[in-house]
Amino acid sequence: MATATSMNDEKLGDLPKSDKIHNEDAQVATDKEHDLSLVESLRAYPKAIAWSMLLSTAVIMEGYDTILVSG
C-alpha cells in the first residue's frame, strides 16, 4: 500500500519545488488540526466558535420569527 507521502508526490507531479514545500507545510498543519482534542480546539478557535454560535442562533430565531408572525 502506498504511503501518504508517495501519494502526495504522485498528485504533485510536476509542480515547482516551492509549491511542493507549501503543500507539505499545509498537510502538516492539517494533520496537527485533526489531532486536536475538543478542549484544545475550543481554546485554539474561540472566534470561530463564537461566529458559528451567532450565525446558528440567527438562523434558529429567523425560523421562530416566521412561525410567530404568520400564525
Protein backbone atom coordinates (compact mmCIF):
# COMPACT_ATOMS: atom_id res chain seq x y z
CA MET A 1 0.00 0.00 0.00
CA ALA A 2 1.28 3.47 -0.86
CA THR A 3 2.18 5.87 1.91
CA ALA A 4 0.68 9.35 2.23
CA THR A 5 3.97 10.90 1.15
CA SER A 6 4.23 8.84 -2.02
CA MET A 7 0.58 9.54 -2.86
CA ASN A 8 1.20 13.28 -2.35
CA ASP A 9 4.27 13.08 -4.61
CA GLU A 10 2.16 11.44 -7.32
CA LYS A 11 -0.51 14.14 -7.05
CA LEU A 12 2.02 16.99 -7.08
CA GLY A 13 3.79 15.64 -10.13
CA ASP A 14 5.46 18.48 -11.98
CA LEU A 15 4.80 21.36 -9.59
CA PRO A 16 7.69 23.69 -8.80
CA LYS A 17 9.66 22.81 -5.68
CA SER A 18 8.38 25.86 -3.74
CA ASP A 19 4.76 24.78 -4.34
CA LYS A 20 5.57 21.27 -3.14
CA ILE A 21 7.07 22.70 0.06
CA HIS A 22 3.98 24.84 0.69
CA ASN A 23 1.73 21.85 0.05
CA GLU A 24 3.73 19.72 2.51
CA ASP A 25 3.51 22.51 5.13
CA ALA A 26 -0.25 22.68 4.61
CA GLN A 27 -0.52 18.91 5.02
CA VAL A 28 1.44 19.05 8.30
CA ALA A 29 -0.82 21.85 9.60
CA THR A 30 -3.93 19.91 8.60
CA ASP A 31 -2.68 16.81 10.39
CA LYS A 32 -1.99 18.84 13.55
CA GLU A 33 -5.51 20.31 13.47
CA HIS A 34 -7.04 16.85 13.05
CA ASP A 35 -5.13 15.64 16.12
CA LEU A 36 -6.51 18.40 18.40
CA SER A 37 -8.77 17.32 21.24
CA LEU A 38 -12.10 19.04 21.85
CA VAL A 39 -10.70 21.25 24.62
CA GLU A 40 -7.64 22.18 22.55
CA SER A 41 -9.92 23.10 19.65
CA LEU A 42 -12.11 25.27 21.86
CA ARG A 43 -9.05 27.13 23.12
CA ALA A 44 -7.49 27.46 19.68
CA TYR A 45 -10.54 28.80 17.81
CA PRO A 46 -12.75 30.87 20.15
CA LYS A 47 -13.69 33.43 17.47
CA ALA A 48 -14.76 30.74 15.01
CA ILE A 49 -16.88 29.09 17.69
CA ALA A 50 -18.50 32.40 18.64
CA TRP A 51 -19.24 33.20 14.98
CA SER A 52 -20.76 29.76 14.44
CA MET A 53 -22.97 30.09 17.53
CA LEU A 54 -24.08 33.60 16.49
CA LEU A 55 -24.96 32.52 12.96
CA SER A 56 -26.75 29.38 14.17
CA THR A 57 -28.77 31.40 16.67
CA ALA A 58 -29.73 33.90 13.96
CA VAL A 59 -30.98 31.11 11.69
CA ILE A 60 -32.96 29.49 14.50
CA MET A 61 -34.52 32.82 15.52
CA GLU A 62 -35.44 33.54 11.90
CA GLY A 63 -37.38 30.27 11.86
CA TYR A 64 -39.22 31.18 15.05
CA ASP A 65 -39.95 34.67 13.71
CA THR A 66 -41.56 33.22 10.59
CA ILE A 67 -43.79 30.96 12.68
CA LEU A 68 -44.76 33.69 15.17
CA VAL A 69 -45.53 36.42 12.63
CA SER A 70 -47.54 34.27 10.23
CA GLY A 71 -49.51 32.45 12.93
